[in-house]
Amino acid sequence: MVDTKGLLLSTTDRNHGILQFDMDQMYAYGKKYDAEKILLLYPLVQGSGDEKIVFESYDGMTVEIAFVDWLTT
């Protein structure tokens, strides 16, 4: 399951500035559609594409964060 977000993430904020609402939403979608892995796409900001960001829930669902350079694609 893949979803896109328009929020520019931070390289210094706690949890990179990812909103709890977005994480809760993706968890609910994952449960509804019985997905084991969720991919959230965010706009690429300088320094954000270097680090792999992965969140795992207590029941085994994985949410990965990836970055897309929307200005050149």
Protein backbone atom coordinates (compact mmCIF):
# COMPACT_ATOMS: atom_id res chain seq x y z
CA MET A 1 0.00 0.00 0.00
CA VAL A 2 1.38 3.43 -0.96
CA ASP A 3 0.25 6.94 -0.02
CA THR A 4 1.73 10.34 -0.80
CA LYS A 5 1.97 13.36 1.47
CA GLY A 6 2.80 16.94 0.55
CA LEU A 7 4.40 17.88 3.88
CA LEU A 8 8.10 18.69 3.79
CA LEU A 9 9.76 16.67 6.51
CA SER A 10 12.48 17.91 8.80
CA THR A 11 15.90 16.44 9.35
CA THR A 12 15.94 17.81 12.92
CA ASP A 13 12.39 17.40 14.30
CA ARG A 14 11.33 14.46 16.42
CA ASN A 15 10.11 11.68 14.11
CA HIS A 16 11.18 13.92 11.21
CA GLY A 17 8.00 15.97 11.56
CA ILE A 18 5.79 13.10 10.41
CA LEU A 19 2.30 13.75 11.72
CA GLN A 20 0.78 11.25 14.12
CA PHE A 21 -2.47 11.58 12.17
CA ASP A 22 -0.74 10.33 9.02
CA MET A 23 0.74 7.36 10.85
CA ASP A 24 -2.62 6.49 12.43
CA GLN A 25 -4.31 6.78 9.04
CA MET A 26 -1.82 4.45 7.39
CA TYR A 27 -2.09 1.96 10.24
CA ALA A 28 -5.88 1.92 9.84
CA TYR A 29 -5.60 1.43 6.06
CA GLY A 30 -3.09 -1.34 6.57
CA LYS A 31 -5.37 -3.14 8.99
CA LYS A 32 -8.42 -2.71 6.76
CA TYR A 33 -6.64 -4.10 3.70
CA ASP A 34 -4.54 -6.63 5.60
CA ALA A 35 -1.26 -5.08 4.44
CA GLU A 36 1.98 -5.98 6.16
CA LYS A 37 3.91 -3.06 4.70
CA ILE A 38 2.96 0.55 4.04
CA LEU A 39 5.01 3.04 2.03
CA LEU A 40 4.59 6.77 2.61
CA LEU A 41 6.09 9.06 -0.04
CA TYR A 42 7.14 12.58 0.90
CA PRO A 43 8.76 15.36 -1.14
CA LEU A 44 12.53 15.22 -1.10
CA VAL A 45 14.22 17.93 0.95
CA GLN A 46 17.95 18.43 1.16
CA GLY A 47 19.42 15.82 3.47
CA SER A 48 16.24 13.78 3.85
CA GLY A 49 16.92 11.08 1.28
CA ASP A 50 20.03 9.72 2.97
CA GLU A 51 18.43 8.02 5.93
CA LYS A 52 16.09 5.04 5.83
CA ILE A 53 13.06 5.71 8.03
CA VAL A 54 11.05 2.70 9.17
CA PHE A 55 8.42 2.40 11.87
CA GLU A 56 7.20 -0.99 13.10
CA SER A 57 4.07 -1.53 15.15
CA TYR A 58 3.77 -3.99 18.00
CA ASP A 59 1.67 -6.28 15.78
CA GLY A 60 4.13 -6.46 12.88
CA MET A 61 2.94 -3.78 10.47
CA THR A 62 5.79 -1.82 8.87
CA VAL A 63 5.57 1.77 7.64
CA GLU A 64 8.49 2.87 5.47
CA ILE A 65 9.14 6.48 4.53
CA ALA A 66 10.60 7.25 1.11
CA PHE A 67 11.38 10.51 -0.65
CA VAL A 68 10.61 11.58 -4.20
CA ASP A 69 12.08 14.58 -5.98
CA TRP A 70 8.78 15.87 -7.31
CA LEU A 71 10.40 18.86 -8.98
CA THR A 72 12.41 16.78 -11.44
CA THR A 73 10.12 13.77 -11.99
